[in-house]
mmCIF file of all heavy atoms, coordinates in Angstrom:
data_MODEL
# 
_entry.id   MODEL 
# 
loop_
_atom_site.group_PDB 
_atom_site.id 
_atom_site.type_symbol 
_atom_site.label_atom_id 
_atom_site.label_alt_id 
_atom_site.label_comp_id 
_atom_site.label_asym_id 
_atom_site.label_entity_id 
_atom_site.label_seq_id 
_atom_site.pdbx_PDB_ins_code 
_atom_site.Cartn_x 
_atom_site.Cartn_y 
_atom_site.Cartn_z 
_atom_site.occupancy 
_atom_site.B_iso_or_equiv 
_atom_site.pdbx_formal_charge 
_atom_site.auth_seq_id 
_atom_site.auth_comp_id 
_atom_site.auth_asym_id 
_atom_site.auth_atom_id 
_atom_site.pdbx_PDB_model_num 
ATOM 1   N N   . GLY A 1 1  ? 110.945 65.972 18.984 1.00 0.00 ? 1  GLY A N   1 
ATOM 2   C CA  . GLY A 1 1  ? 111.123 67.033 19.971 1.00 0.00 ? 1  GLY A CA  1 
ATOM 3   C C   . GLY A 1 1  ? 112.409 66.887 20.728 1.00 0.00 ? 1  GLY A C   1 
ATOM 4   O O   . GLY A 1 1  ? 112.564 67.560 21.715 1.00 0.00 ? 1  GLY A O   1 
ATOM 5   N N   . GLY A 1 2  ? 113.275 66.050 20.241 1.00 0.00 ? 2  GLY A N   1 
ATOM 6   C CA  . GLY A 1 2  ? 114.522 65.765 20.959 1.00 0.00 ? 2  GLY A CA  1 
ATOM 7   C C   . GLY A 1 2  ? 115.628 66.729 20.531 1.00 0.00 ? 2  GLY A C   1 
ATOM 8   O O   . GLY A 1 2  ? 115.448 67.555 19.685 1.00 0.00 ? 2  GLY A O   1 
ATOM 9   N N   . GLY A 1 3  ? 116.748 66.553 21.182 1.00 0.00 ? 3  GLY A N   1 
ATOM 10  C CA  . GLY A 1 3  ? 117.896 67.387 20.978 1.00 0.00 ? 3  GLY A CA  1 
ATOM 11  C C   . GLY A 1 3  ? 118.670 67.593 22.227 1.00 0.00 ? 3  GLY A C   1 
ATOM 12  O O   . GLY A 1 3  ? 118.523 66.843 23.160 1.00 0.00 ? 3  GLY A O   1 
ATOM 13  N N   . TYR A 1 4  ? 119.551 68.580 22.207 1.00 0.00 ? 4  TYR A N   1 
ATOM 14  C CA  . TYR A 1 4  ? 120.352 68.909 23.404 1.00 0.00 ? 4  TYR A CA  1 
ATOM 15  C C   . TYR A 1 4  ? 119.830 70.106 24.083 1.00 0.00 ? 4  TYR A C   1 
ATOM 16  O O   . TYR A 1 4  ? 119.271 71.035 23.481 1.00 0.00 ? 4  TYR A O   1 
ATOM 17  C CB  . TYR A 1 4  ? 121.824 69.131 22.976 1.00 0.00 ? 4  TYR A CB  1 
ATOM 18  C CG  . TYR A 1 4  ? 122.591 67.906 22.756 1.00 0.00 ? 4  TYR A CG  1 
ATOM 19  C CD1 . TYR A 1 4  ? 122.671 67.317 21.521 1.00 0.00 ? 4  TYR A CD1 1 
ATOM 20  C CD2 . TYR A 1 4  ? 123.336 67.358 23.782 1.00 0.00 ? 4  TYR A CD2 1 
ATOM 21  C CE1 . TYR A 1 4  ? 123.444 66.177 21.299 1.00 0.00 ? 4  TYR A CE1 1 
ATOM 22  C CE2 . TYR A 1 4  ? 124.047 66.154 23.606 1.00 0.00 ? 4  TYR A CE2 1 
ATOM 23  C CZ  . TYR A 1 4  ? 124.115 65.559 22.356 1.00 0.00 ? 4  TYR A CZ  1 
ATOM 24  O OH  . TYR A 1 4  ? 124.871 64.439 22.137 1.00 0.00 ? 4  TYR A OH  1 
ATOM 25  N N   . PHE A 1 5  ? 120.052 70.158 25.438 1.00 0.00 ? 5  PHE A N   1 
ATOM 26  C CA  . PHE A 1 5  ? 119.687 71.352 26.205 1.00 0.00 ? 5  PHE A CA  1 
ATOM 27  C C   . PHE A 1 5  ? 120.599 71.368 27.386 1.00 0.00 ? 5  PHE A C   1 
ATOM 28  O O   . PHE A 1 5  ? 121.188 70.426 27.836 1.00 0.00 ? 5  PHE A O   1 
ATOM 29  C CB  . PHE A 1 5  ? 118.208 71.276 26.629 1.00 0.00 ? 5  PHE A CB  1 
ATOM 30  C CG  . PHE A 1 5  ? 117.830 70.068 27.408 1.00 0.00 ? 5  PHE A CG  1 
ATOM 31  C CD1 . PHE A 1 5  ? 117.739 70.055 28.761 1.00 0.00 ? 5  PHE A CD1 1 
ATOM 32  C CD2 . PHE A 1 5  ? 117.441 68.911 26.729 1.00 0.00 ? 5  PHE A CD2 1 
ATOM 33  C CE1 . PHE A 1 5  ? 117.346 68.938 29.479 1.00 0.00 ? 5  PHE A CE1 1 
ATOM 34  C CE2 . PHE A 1 5  ? 117.096 67.774 27.405 1.00 0.00 ? 5  PHE A CE2 1 
ATOM 35  C CZ  . PHE A 1 5  ? 117.024 67.776 28.813 1.00 0.00 ? 5  PHE A CZ  1 
ATOM 36  N N   . ILE A 1 6  ? 120.730 72.613 27.956 1.00 0.00 ? 6  ILE A N   1 
ATOM 37  C CA  . ILE A 1 6  ? 121.593 72.813 29.150 1.00 0.00 ? 6  ILE A CA  1 
ATOM 38  C C   . ILE A 1 6  ? 120.866 72.209 30.313 1.00 0.00 ? 6  ILE A C   1 
ATOM 39  O O   . ILE A 1 6  ? 119.694 72.535 30.553 1.00 0.00 ? 6  ILE A O   1 
ATOM 40  C CB  . ILE A 1 6  ? 121.890 74.293 29.298 1.00 0.00 ? 6  ILE A CB  1 
ATOM 41  C CG1 . ILE A 1 6  ? 122.710 74.834 28.079 1.00 0.00 ? 6  ILE A CG1 1 
ATOM 42  C CG2 . ILE A 1 6  ? 122.656 74.529 30.602 1.00 0.00 ? 6  ILE A CG2 1 
ATOM 43  C CD1 . ILE A 1 6  ? 122.901 76.304 28.055 1.00 0.00 ? 6  ILE A CD1 1 
ATOM 44  N N   . LYS A 1 7  ? 121.540 71.396 31.105 1.00 0.00 ? 7  LYS A N   1 
ATOM 45  C CA  . LYS A 1 7  ? 120.956 70.648 32.202 1.00 0.00 ? 7  LYS A CA  1 
ATOM 46  C C   . LYS A 1 7  ? 120.443 71.557 33.363 1.00 0.00 ? 7  LYS A C   1 
ATOM 47  O O   . LYS A 1 7  ? 119.298 71.479 33.717 1.00 0.00 ? 7  LYS A O   1 
ATOM 48  C CB  . LYS A 1 7  ? 121.943 69.641 32.768 1.00 0.00 ? 7  LYS A CB  1 
ATOM 49  C CG  . LYS A 1 7  ? 121.459 68.784 33.902 1.00 0.00 ? 7  LYS A CG  1 
ATOM 50  C CD  . LYS A 1 7  ? 122.498 67.808 34.288 1.00 0.00 ? 7  LYS A CD  1 
ATOM 51  C CE  . LYS A 1 7  ? 121.990 66.954 35.458 1.00 0.00 ? 7  LYS A CE  1 
ATOM 52  N NZ  . LYS A 1 7  ? 122.974 66.000 35.952 1.00 0.00 ? 7  LYS A NZ  1 
ATOM 53  N N   . ASP A 1 8  ? 121.278 72.440 33.824 1.00 0.00 ? 8  ASP A N   1 
ATOM 54  C CA  . ASP A 1 8  ? 120.977 73.337 34.954 1.00 0.00 ? 8  ASP A CA  1 
ATOM 55  C C   . ASP A 1 8  ? 120.842 74.748 34.366 1.00 0.00 ? 8  ASP A C   1 
ATOM 56  O O   . ASP A 1 8  ? 121.220 75.003 33.263 1.00 0.00 ? 8  ASP A O   1 
ATOM 57  C CB  . ASP A 1 8  ? 122.036 73.351 36.013 1.00 0.00 ? 8  ASP A CB  1 
ATOM 58  C CG  . ASP A 1 8  ? 122.170 71.997 36.680 1.00 0.00 ? 8  ASP A CG  1 
ATOM 59  O OD1 . ASP A 1 8  ? 121.111 71.327 36.992 1.00 0.00 ? 8  ASP A OD1 1 
ATOM 60  O OD2 . ASP A 1 8  ? 123.353 71.557 36.973 1.00 0.00 ? 8  ASP A OD2 1 
ATOM 61  N N   . HIS A 1 9  ? 120.278 75.645 35.174 1.00 0.00 ? 9  HIS A N   1 
ATOM 62  C CA  . HIS A 1 9  ? 120.168 76.988 34.660 1.00 0.00 ? 9  HIS A CA  1 
ATOM 63  C C   . HIS A 1 9  ? 121.532 77.489 34.262 1.00 0.00 ? 9  HIS A C   1 
ATOM 64  O O   . HIS A 1 9  ? 122.529 77.182 34.988 1.00 0.00 ? 9  HIS A O   1 
ATOM 65  C CB  . HIS A 1 9  ? 119.541 77.965 35.775 1.00 0.00 ? 9  HIS A CB  1 
ATOM 66  C CG  . HIS A 1 9  ? 119.180 79.283 35.246 1.00 0.00 ? 9  HIS A CG  1 
ATOM 67  N ND1 . HIS A 1 9  ? 120.084 80.275 35.142 1.00 0.00 ? 9  HIS A ND1 1 
ATOM 68  C CD2 . HIS A 1 9  ? 118.015 79.692 34.730 1.00 0.00 ? 9  HIS A CD2 1 
ATOM 69  C CE1 . HIS A 1 9  ? 119.520 81.322 34.632 1.00 0.00 ? 9  HIS A CE1 1 
ATOM 70  N NE2 . HIS A 1 9  ? 118.209 81.019 34.338 1.00 0.00 ? 9  HIS A NE2 1 
ATOM 71  N N   . PRO A 1 10 ? 121.656 78.207 33.185 1.00 0.00 ? 10 PRO A N   1 
ATOM 72  C CA  . PRO A 1 10 ? 122.992 78.656 32.669 1.00 0.00 ? 10 PRO A CA  1 
ATOM 73  C C   . PRO A 1 10 ? 123.785 79.501 33.687 1.00 0.00 ? 10 PRO A C   1 
ATOM 74  O O   . PRO A 1 10 ? 125.046 79.548 33.561 1.00 0.00 ? 10 PRO A O   1 
ATOM 75  C CB  . PRO A 1 10 ? 122.605 79.492 31.434 1.00 0.00 ? 10 PRO A CB  1 
ATOM 76  C CG  . PRO A 1 10 ? 121.327 79.006 30.992 1.00 0.00 ? 10 PRO A CG  1 
ATOM 77  C CD  . PRO A 1 10 ? 120.616 78.552 32.243 1.00 0.00 ? 10 PRO A CD  1 
ATOM 78  N N   . SER A 1 11 ? 123.156 80.048 34.680 1.00 0.00 ? 11 SER A N   1 
ATOM 79  C CA  . SER A 1 11 ? 123.856 80.875 35.638 1.00 0.00 ? 11 SER A CA  1 
ATOM 80  C C   . SER A 1 11 ? 124.614 79.990 36.643 1.00 0.00 ? 11 SER A C   1 
ATOM 81  O O   . SER A 1 11 ? 125.328 80.467 37.465 1.00 0.00 ? 11 SER A O   1 
ATOM 82  C CB  . SER A 1 11 ? 122.899 81.820 36.415 1.00 0.00 ? 11 SER A CB  1 
ATOM 83  O OG  . SER A 1 11 ? 121.926 80.992 37.088 1.00 0.00 ? 11 SER A OG  1 
ATOM 84  N N   . LYS A 1 12 ? 124.351 78.657 36.619 1.00 0.00 ? 12 LYS A N   1 
ATOM 85  C CA  . LYS A 1 12 ? 124.988 77.723 37.562 1.00 0.00 ? 12 LYS A CA  1 
ATOM 86  C C   . LYS A 1 12 ? 126.310 77.129 37.060 1.00 0.00 ? 12 LYS A C   1 
ATOM 87  O O   . LYS A 1 12 ? 126.945 76.383 37.767 1.00 0.00 ? 12 LYS A O   1 
ATOM 88  C CB  . LYS A 1 12 ? 124.028 76.663 37.978 1.00 0.00 ? 12 LYS A CB  1 
ATOM 89  C CG  . LYS A 1 12 ? 122.826 77.241 38.762 1.00 0.00 ? 12 LYS A CG  1 
ATOM 90  C CD  . LYS A 1 12 ? 121.941 76.227 39.268 1.00 0.00 ? 12 LYS A CD  1 
ATOM 91  C CE  . LYS A 1 12 ? 120.803 76.915 40.003 1.00 0.00 ? 12 LYS A CE  1 
ATOM 92  N NZ  . LYS A 1 12 ? 120.232 76.149 41.017 1.00 0.00 ? 12 LYS A NZ  1 
ATOM 93  N N   . THR A 1 13 ? 126.624 77.259 35.768 1.00 0.00 ? 13 THR A N   1 
ATOM 94  C CA  . THR A 1 13 ? 127.830 76.627 35.163 1.00 0.00 ? 13 THR A CA  1 
ATOM 95  C C   . THR A 1 13 ? 128.851 77.687 34.826 1.00 0.00 ? 13 THR A C   1 
ATOM 96  O O   . THR A 1 13 ? 128.536 78.563 34.016 1.00 0.00 ? 13 THR A O   1 
ATOM 97  C CB  . THR A 1 13 ? 127.458 75.766 33.945 1.00 0.00 ? 13 THR A CB  1 
ATOM 98  O OG1 . THR A 1 13 ? 126.456 74.814 34.349 1.00 0.00 ? 13 THR A OG1 1 
ATOM 99  C CG2 . THR A 1 13 ? 128.629 75.109 33.410 1.00 0.00 ? 13 THR A CG2 1 
ATOM 100 N N   . SER A 1 14 ? 130.037 77.605 35.402 1.00 0.00 ? 14 SER A N   1 
ATOM 101 C CA  . SER A 1 14 ? 131.069 78.586 35.155 1.00 0.00 ? 14 SER A CA  1 
ATOM 102 C C   . SER A 1 14 ? 131.763 78.333 33.812 1.00 0.00 ? 14 SER A C   1 
ATOM 103 O O   . SER A 1 14 ? 131.803 77.227 33.269 1.00 0.00 ? 14 SER A O   1 
ATOM 104 C CB  . SER A 1 14 ? 132.109 78.608 36.252 1.00 0.00 ? 14 SER A CB  1 
ATOM 105 O OG  . SER A 1 14 ? 132.941 77.526 36.160 1.00 0.00 ? 14 SER A OG  1 
ATOM 106 N N   . ILE A 1 15 ? 132.257 79.387 33.200 1.00 0.00 ? 15 ILE A N   1 
ATOM 107 C CA  . ILE A 1 15 ? 133.036 79.280 32.009 1.00 0.00 ? 15 ILE A CA  1 
ATOM 108 C C   . ILE A 1 15 ? 134.284 78.441 32.282 1.00 0.00 ? 15 ILE A C   1 
ATOM 109 O O   . ILE A 1 15 ? 134.697 77.605 31.410 1.00 0.00 ? 15 ILE A O   1 
ATOM 110 C CB  . ILE A 1 15 ? 133.461 80.672 31.468 1.00 0.00 ? 15 ILE A CB  1 
ATOM 111 C CG1 . ILE A 1 15 ? 132.222 81.541 31.148 1.00 0.00 ? 15 ILE A CG1 1 
ATOM 112 C CG2 . ILE A 1 15 ? 134.399 80.612 30.301 1.00 0.00 ? 15 ILE A CG2 1 
ATOM 113 C CD1 . ILE A 1 15 ? 131.293 81.003 30.062 1.00 0.00 ? 15 ILE A CD1 1 
ATOM 114 N N   . ALA A 1 16 ? 134.895 78.585 33.485 1.00 0.00 ? 16 ALA A N   1 
ATOM 115 C CA  . ALA A 1 16 ? 136.066 77.773 33.801 1.00 0.00 ? 16 ALA A CA  1 
ATOM 116 C C   . ALA A 1 16 ? 135.769 76.304 33.757 1.00 0.00 ? 16 ALA A C   1 
ATOM 117 O O   . ALA A 1 16 ? 136.588 75.482 33.291 1.00 0.00 ? 16 ALA A O   1 
ATOM 118 C CB  . ALA A 1 16 ? 136.595 78.194 35.216 1.00 0.00 ? 16 ALA A CB  1 
ATOM 119 N N   . ALA A 1 17 ? 134.583 75.870 34.231 1.00 0.00 ? 17 ALA A N   1 
ATOM 120 C CA  . ALA A 1 17 ? 134.241 74.504 34.272 1.00 0.00 ? 17 ALA A CA  1 
ATOM 121 C C   . ALA A 1 17 ? 134.172 73.897 32.862 1.00 0.00 ? 17 ALA A C   1 
ATOM 122 O O   . ALA A 1 17 ? 134.709 72.790 32.573 1.00 0.00 ? 17 ALA A O   1 
ATOM 123 C CB  . ALA A 1 17 ? 132.872 74.271 34.902 1.00 0.00 ? 17 ALA A CB  1 
ATOM 124 N N   . VAL A 1 18 ? 133.620 74.664 31.953 1.00 0.00 ? 18 VAL A N   1 
ATOM 125 C CA  . VAL A 1 18 ? 133.554 74.237 30.530 1.00 0.00 ? 18 VAL A CA  1 
ATOM 126 C C   . VAL A 1 18 ? 134.976 74.108 29.894 1.00 0.00 ? 18 VAL A C   1 
ATOM 127 O O   . VAL A 1 18 ? 135.252 73.184 29.225 1.00 0.00 ? 18 VAL A O   1 
ATOM 128 C CB  . VAL A 1 18 ? 132.665 75.146 29.667 1.00 0.00 ? 18 VAL A CB  1 
ATOM 129 C CG1 . VAL A 1 18 ? 132.674 74.766 28.219 1.00 0.00 ? 18 VAL A CG1 1 
ATOM 130 C CG2 . VAL A 1 18 ? 131.229 75.164 30.167 1.00 0.00 ? 18 VAL A CG2 1 
ATOM 131 N N   . ILE A 1 19 ? 135.801 75.114 30.149 1.00 0.00 ? 19 ILE A N   1 
ATOM 132 C CA  . ILE A 1 19 ? 137.188 75.062 29.587 1.00 0.00 ? 19 ILE A CA  1 
ATOM 133 C C   . ILE A 1 19 ? 137.857 73.789 30.103 1.00 0.00 ? 19 ILE A C   1 
ATOM 134 O O   . ILE A 1 19 ? 138.550 73.124 29.371 1.00 0.00 ? 19 ILE A O   1 
ATOM 135 C CB  . ILE A 1 19 ? 137.928 76.359 30.000 1.00 0.00 ? 19 ILE A CB  1 
ATOM 136 C CG1 . ILE A 1 19 ? 137.349 77.535 29.190 1.00 0.00 ? 19 ILE A CG1 1 
ATOM 137 C CG2 . ILE A 1 19 ? 139.430 76.174 29.632 1.00 0.00 ? 19 ILE A CG2 1 
ATOM 138 C CD1 . ILE A 1 19 ? 137.922 78.898 29.651 1.00 0.00 ? 19 ILE A CD1 1 
ATOM 139 N N   . ARG A 1 20 ? 137.740 73.545 31.357 1.00 0.00 ? 20 ARG A N   1 
ATOM 140 C CA  . ARG A 1 20 ? 138.394 72.333 31.989 1.00 0.00 ? 20 ARG A CA  1 
ATOM 141 C C   . ARG A 1 20 ? 137.928 71.079 31.304 1.00 0.00 ? 20 ARG A C   1 
ATOM 142 O O   . ARG A 1 20 ? 138.671 70.179 31.061 1.00 0.00 ? 20 ARG A O   1 
ATOM 143 C CB  . ARG A 1 20 ? 138.218 72.297 33.475 1.00 0.00 ? 20 ARG A CB  1 
ATOM 144 C CG  . ARG A 1 20 ? 139.053 73.267 34.205 1.00 0.00 ? 20 ARG A CG  1 
ATOM 145 C CD  . ARG A 1 20 ? 138.893 73.171 35.689 1.00 0.00 ? 20 ARG A CD  1 
ATOM 146 N NE  . ARG A 1 20 ? 139.752 74.140 36.456 1.00 0.00 ? 20 ARG A NE  1 
ATOM 147 C CZ  . ARG A 1 20 ? 139.130 75.139 37.120 1.00 0.00 ? 20 ARG A CZ  1 
ATOM 148 N NH1 . ARG A 1 20 ? 137.834 75.265 37.276 1.00 0.00 ? 20 ARG A NH1 1 
ATOM 149 N NH2 . ARG A 1 20 ? 139.898 75.995 37.710 1.00 0.00 ? 20 ARG A NH2 1 
ATOM 150 N N   . ILE A 1 21 ? 136.593 70.982 31.039 1.00 0.00 ? 21 ILE A N   1 
ATOM 151 C CA  . ILE A 1 21 ? 136.038 69.783 30.443 1.00 0.00 ? 21 ILE A CA  1 
ATOM 152 C C   . ILE A 1 21 ? 136.607 69.670 29.035 1.00 0.00 ? 21 ILE A C   1 
ATOM 153 O O   . ILE A 1 21 ? 136.970 68.536 28.601 1.00 0.00 ? 21 ILE A O   1 
ATOM 154 C CB  . ILE A 1 21 ? 134.495 69.849 30.400 1.00 0.00 ? 21 ILE A CB  1 
ATOM 155 C CG1 . ILE A 1 21 ? 133.953 69.688 31.839 1.00 0.00 ? 21 ILE A CG1 1 
ATOM 156 C CG2 . ILE A 1 21 ? 133.900 68.780 29.514 1.00 0.00 ? 21 ILE A CG2 1 
ATOM 157 C CD1 . ILE A 1 21 ? 132.558 70.153 32.018 1.00 0.00 ? 21 ILE A CD1 1 
ATOM 158 N N   . VAL A 1 22 ? 136.573 70.741 28.281 1.00 0.00 ? 22 VAL A N   1 
ATOM 159 C CA  . VAL A 1 22 ? 136.918 70.617 26.825 1.00 0.00 ? 22 VAL A CA  1 
ATOM 160 C C   . VAL A 1 22 ? 138.429 70.708 26.572 1.00 0.00 ? 22 VAL A C   1 
ATOM 161 O O   . VAL A 1 22 ? 138.994 69.912 25.766 1.00 0.00 ? 22 VAL A O   1 
ATOM 162 C CB  . VAL A 1 22 ? 136.213 71.807 26.050 1.00 0.00 ? 22 VAL A CB  1 
ATOM 163 C CG1 . VAL A 1 22 ? 136.614 71.767 24.573 1.00 0.00 ? 22 VAL A CG1 1 
ATOM 164 C CG2 . VAL A 1 22 ? 134.754 71.667 26.215 1.00 0.00 ? 22 VAL A CG2 1 
ATOM 165 N N   . ASP A 1 23 ? 139.149 71.581 27.297 1.00 0.00 ? 23 ASP A N   1 
ATOM 166 C CA  . ASP A 1 23 ? 140.573 71.819 26.995 1.00 0.00 ? 23 ASP A CA  1 
ATOM 167 C C   . ASP A 1 23 ? 141.501 71.291 28.122 1.00 0.00 ? 23 ASP A C   1 
ATOM 168 O O   . ASP A 1 23 ? 142.706 71.231 27.865 1.00 0.00 ? 23 ASP A O   1 
ATOM 169 C CB  . ASP A 1 23 ? 140.818 73.309 26.825 1.00 0.00 ? 23 ASP A CB  1 
ATOM 170 C CG  . ASP A 1 23 ? 140.629 73.767 25.385 1.00 0.00 ? 23 ASP A CG  1 
ATOM 171 O OD1 . ASP A 1 23 ? 140.354 72.936 24.519 1.00 0.00 ? 23 ASP A OD1 1 
ATOM 172 O OD2 . ASP A 1 23 ? 140.750 74.954 25.143 1.00 0.00 ? 23 ASP A OD2 1 
ATOM 173 N N   . GLY A 1 24 ? 140.990 70.993 29.281 1.00 0.00 ? 24 GLY A N   1 
ATOM 174 C CA  . GLY A 1 24 ? 141.881 70.591 30.366 1.00 0.00 ? 24 GLY A CA  1 
ATOM 175 C C   . GLY A 1 24 ? 142.242 71.844 31.143 1.00 0.00 ? 24 GLY A C   1 
ATOM 176 O O   . GLY A 1 24 ? 141.485 72.724 31.421 1.00 0.00 ? 24 GLY A O   1 
ATOM 177 N N   . PRO A 1 25 ? 143.538 71.873 31.711 1.00 0.00 ? 25 PRO A N   1 
ATOM 178 C CA  . PRO A 1 25 ? 144.001 72.866 32.632 1.00 0.00 ? 25 PRO A CA  1 
ATOM 179 C C   . PRO A 1 25 ? 143.883 74.279 32.025 1.00 0.00 ? 25 PRO A C   1 
ATOM 180 O O   . PRO A 1 25 ? 144.060 74.531 30.847 1.00 0.00 ? 25 PRO A O   1 
ATOM 181 C CB  . PRO A 1 25 ? 145.507 72.583 32.763 1.00 0.00 ? 25 PRO A CB  1 
ATOM 182 C CG  . PRO A 1 25 ? 145.675 71.185 32.271 1.00 0.00 ? 25 PRO A CG  1 
ATOM 183 C CD  . PRO A 1 25 ? 144.594 70.915 31.268 1.00 0.00 ? 25 PRO A CD  1 
ATOM 184 N N   . ILE A 1 26 ? 143.564 75.189 32.971 1.00 0.00 ? 26 ILE A N   1 
ATOM 185 C CA  . ILE A 1 26 ? 143.522 76.641 32.564 1.00 0.00 ? 26 ILE A CA  1 
ATOM 186 C C   . ILE A 1 26 ? 144.902 77.233 32.760 1.00 0.00 ? 26 ILE A C   1 
ATOM 187 O O   . ILE A 1 26 ? 145.236 78.109 32.027 1.00 0.00 ? 26 ILE A O   1 
ATOM 188 C CB  . ILE A 1 26 ? 142.437 77.322 33.449 1.00 0.00 ? 26 ILE A CB  1 
ATOM 189 C CG1 . ILE A 1 26 ? 141.084 76.800 33.005 1.00 0.00 ? 26 ILE A CG1 1 
ATOM 190 C CG2 . ILE A 1 26 ? 142.562 78.813 33.317 1.00 0.00 ? 26 ILE A CG2 1 
ATOM 191 C CD1 . ILE A 1 26 ? 139.863 77.274 33.877 1.00 0.00 ? 26 ILE A CD1 1 
ATOM 192 N N   . ALA A 1 27 ? 145.688 76.755 33.746 1.00 0.00 ? 27 ALA A N   1 
ATOM 193 C CA  . ALA A 1 27 ? 146.985 77.296 34.012 1.00 0.00 ? 27 ALA A CA  1 
ATOM 194 C C   . ALA A 1 27 ? 147.889 77.086 32.817 1.00 0.00 ? 27 ALA A C   1 
ATOM 195 O O   . ALA A 1 27 ? 147.803 76.077 32.107 1.00 0.00 ? 27 ALA A O   1 
ATOM 196 C CB  . ALA A 1 27 ? 147.573 76.607 35.233 1.00 0.00 ? 27 ALA A CB  1 
ATOM 197 N N   . MET A 1 28 ? 148.839 77.999 32.626 1.00 0.00 ? 28 MET A N   1 
ATOM 198 C CA  . MET A 1 28 ? 149.757 77.899 31.538 1.00 0.00 ? 28 MET A CA  1 
ATOM 199 C C   . MET A 1 28 ? 150.949 76.965 31.797 1.00 0.00 ? 28 MET A C   1 
ATOM 200 O O   . MET A 1 28 ? 151.555 76.525 30.807 1.00 0.00 ? 28 MET A O   1 
ATOM 201 C CB  . MET A 1 28 ? 150.316 79.315 31.246 1.00 0.00 ? 28 MET A CB  1 
ATOM 202 C CG  . MET A 1 28 ? 149.226 80.260 30.707 1.00 0.00 ? 28 MET A CG  1 
ATOM 203 S SD  . MET A 1 28 ? 149.839 81.944 30.471 1.00 0.00 ? 28 MET A SD  1 
ATOM 204 C CE  . MET A 1 28 ? 150.705 81.676 28.935 1.00 0.00 ? 28 MET A CE  1 
# 
């Protein structure tokens, strides 16, 4: 019954936060 799941409700994590984690800076 294992696997991955989103820790907090999806409405609490911004798209910007994910981009920063995966790609780093958003600014050009």
